[in-house]
Amino acid sequence: MNPYLDSPFTNDLGQVIQPGDRVIAIASGYCHRTNVYEGVLLGVRRAAGYRGQERFVPVCRVKRQHGWGTTARMVEHQTTLPLGRVYAIK
């Protein structure tokens, strides 16, 4: 069973991004760190919004660094971005 829906996502700029499109995903991390990843949009997930309103959040597959120094390697990671900061790469 697919945990997300294969439907397009509309970001705050009005871009309609289809599943399978290349994207830039911006995530916030520990201690207000900002992470910028290149990846692929997989679809959207239903999430509870403000006062019970339904909203959709994007699900992306991104490449990120795992480990430090000489043992560092790039791994693929599936992530949900609750703030919806996903932008299409043209």
Protein backbone atom coordinates (compact mmCIF):
# COMPACT_ATOMS: atom_id res chain seq x y z
CA MET A 1 0.00 0.00 0.00
CA ASN A 2 1.28 3.44 -0.94
CA PRO A 3 1.50 5.71 2.15
CA TYR A 4 1.06 8.85 0.04
CA LEU A 5 -1.21 10.01 -2.79
CA ASP A 6 -0.01 10.33 -6.40
CA SER A 7 -1.46 13.80 -6.86
CA PRO A 8 0.16 17.15 -7.74
CA PHE A 9 1.29 19.64 -5.10
CA THR A 10 0.81 23.42 -5.36
CA ASN A 11 3.42 25.41 -3.43
CA ASP A 12 3.20 28.96 -2.04
CA LEU A 13 4.46 30.44 -5.36
CA GLY A 14 1.60 28.81 -7.25
CA GLN A 15 3.79 26.23 -9.01
CA VAL A 16 1.94 22.97 -9.67
CA ILE A 17 4.46 20.15 -9.20
CA GLN A 18 3.64 16.69 -10.53
CA PRO A 19 4.89 13.47 -8.89
CA GLY A 20 8.21 12.49 -10.46
CA ASP A 21 9.33 16.10 -11.09
CA ARG A 22 12.75 17.25 -9.88
CA VAL A 23 12.51 19.67 -6.96
CA ILE A 24 14.48 21.70 -4.45
CA ALA A 25 13.28 20.87 -0.93
CA ILE A 26 13.98 23.22 1.98
CA ALA A 27 13.78 21.77 5.47
CA SER A 28 14.56 23.20 8.89
CA GLY A 29 16.61 21.13 11.27
CA TYR A 30 17.94 21.13 14.78
CA CYS A 31 18.75 24.55 16.27
CA HIS A 32 17.04 26.47 13.40
CA ARG A 33 19.42 25.03 10.79
CA THR A 34 18.20 25.24 7.19
CA ASN A 35 18.80 22.26 4.90
CA VAL A 36 18.48 22.49 1.11
CA TYR A 37 18.14 19.24 -0.84
CA GLU A 38 17.69 18.29 -4.47
CA GLY A 39 15.23 15.48 -5.00
CA VAL A 40 12.09 14.09 -6.60
CA LEU A 41 8.48 14.69 -5.54
CA LEU A 42 6.79 11.37 -4.75
CA GLY A 43 3.31 12.69 -3.95
CA VAL A 44 1.40 14.19 -1.03
CA ARG A 45 0.14 13.01 2.37
CA ARG A 46 -3.02 14.05 4.17
CA ALA A 47 -2.33 15.90 7.40
CA ALA A 48 -4.42 17.59 10.05
CA GLY A 49 -4.43 21.33 9.56
CA TYR A 50 -5.47 24.29 11.65
CA ARG A 51 -8.69 23.57 13.60
CA GLY A 52 -9.22 20.21 11.96
CA GLN A 53 -9.04 21.42 8.36
CA GLU A 54 -7.50 18.88 6.02
CA ARG A 55 -4.31 19.86 4.24
CA PHE A 56 -1.73 18.10 2.09
CA VAL A 57 2.04 18.00 2.67
CA PRO A 58 4.62 16.97 0.06
CA VAL A 59 6.65 13.75 0.24
CA CYS A 60 10.07 13.84 -1.47
CA ARG A 61 12.99 11.50 -2.06
CA VAL A 62 16.21 13.49 -1.48
CA LYS A 63 19.92 12.79 -1.36
CA ARG A 64 21.71 13.78 1.82
CA GLN A 65 25.05 13.20 3.48
CA HIS A 66 25.31 10.39 6.01
CA GLY A 67 28.33 10.41 8.29
CA TRP A 68 31.30 12.75 8.63
CA GLY A 69 34.86 13.04 7.36
CA THR A 70 36.28 10.14 5.38
CA THR A 71 33.29 7.88 6.12
CA ALA A 72 30.74 10.33 4.66
CA ARG A 73 28.54 9.05 1.85
CA MET A 74 25.40 10.22 0.04
CA VAL A 75 22.22 8.25 0.77
CA GLU A 76 18.66 8.54 -0.52
CA HIS A 77 16.15 9.53 2.12
CA GLN A 78 12.36 9.83 1.93
CA THR A 79 11.06 12.85 3.81
CA THR A 80 7.77 14.61 4.52
CA LEU A 81 7.95 18.42 4.49
CA PRO A 82 5.16 19.78 6.73
CA LEU A 83 5.90 23.42 5.83
CA GLY A 84 5.53 22.65 2.12
CA ARG A 85 8.74 24.35 0.99
CA VAL A 86 9.19 22.47 -2.29
CA TYR A 87 10.04 24.25 -5.54
CA ALA A 88 10.26 22.90 -9.08
CA ILE A 89 13.55 22.78 -10.98
CA LYS A 90 13.04 23.83 -14.59
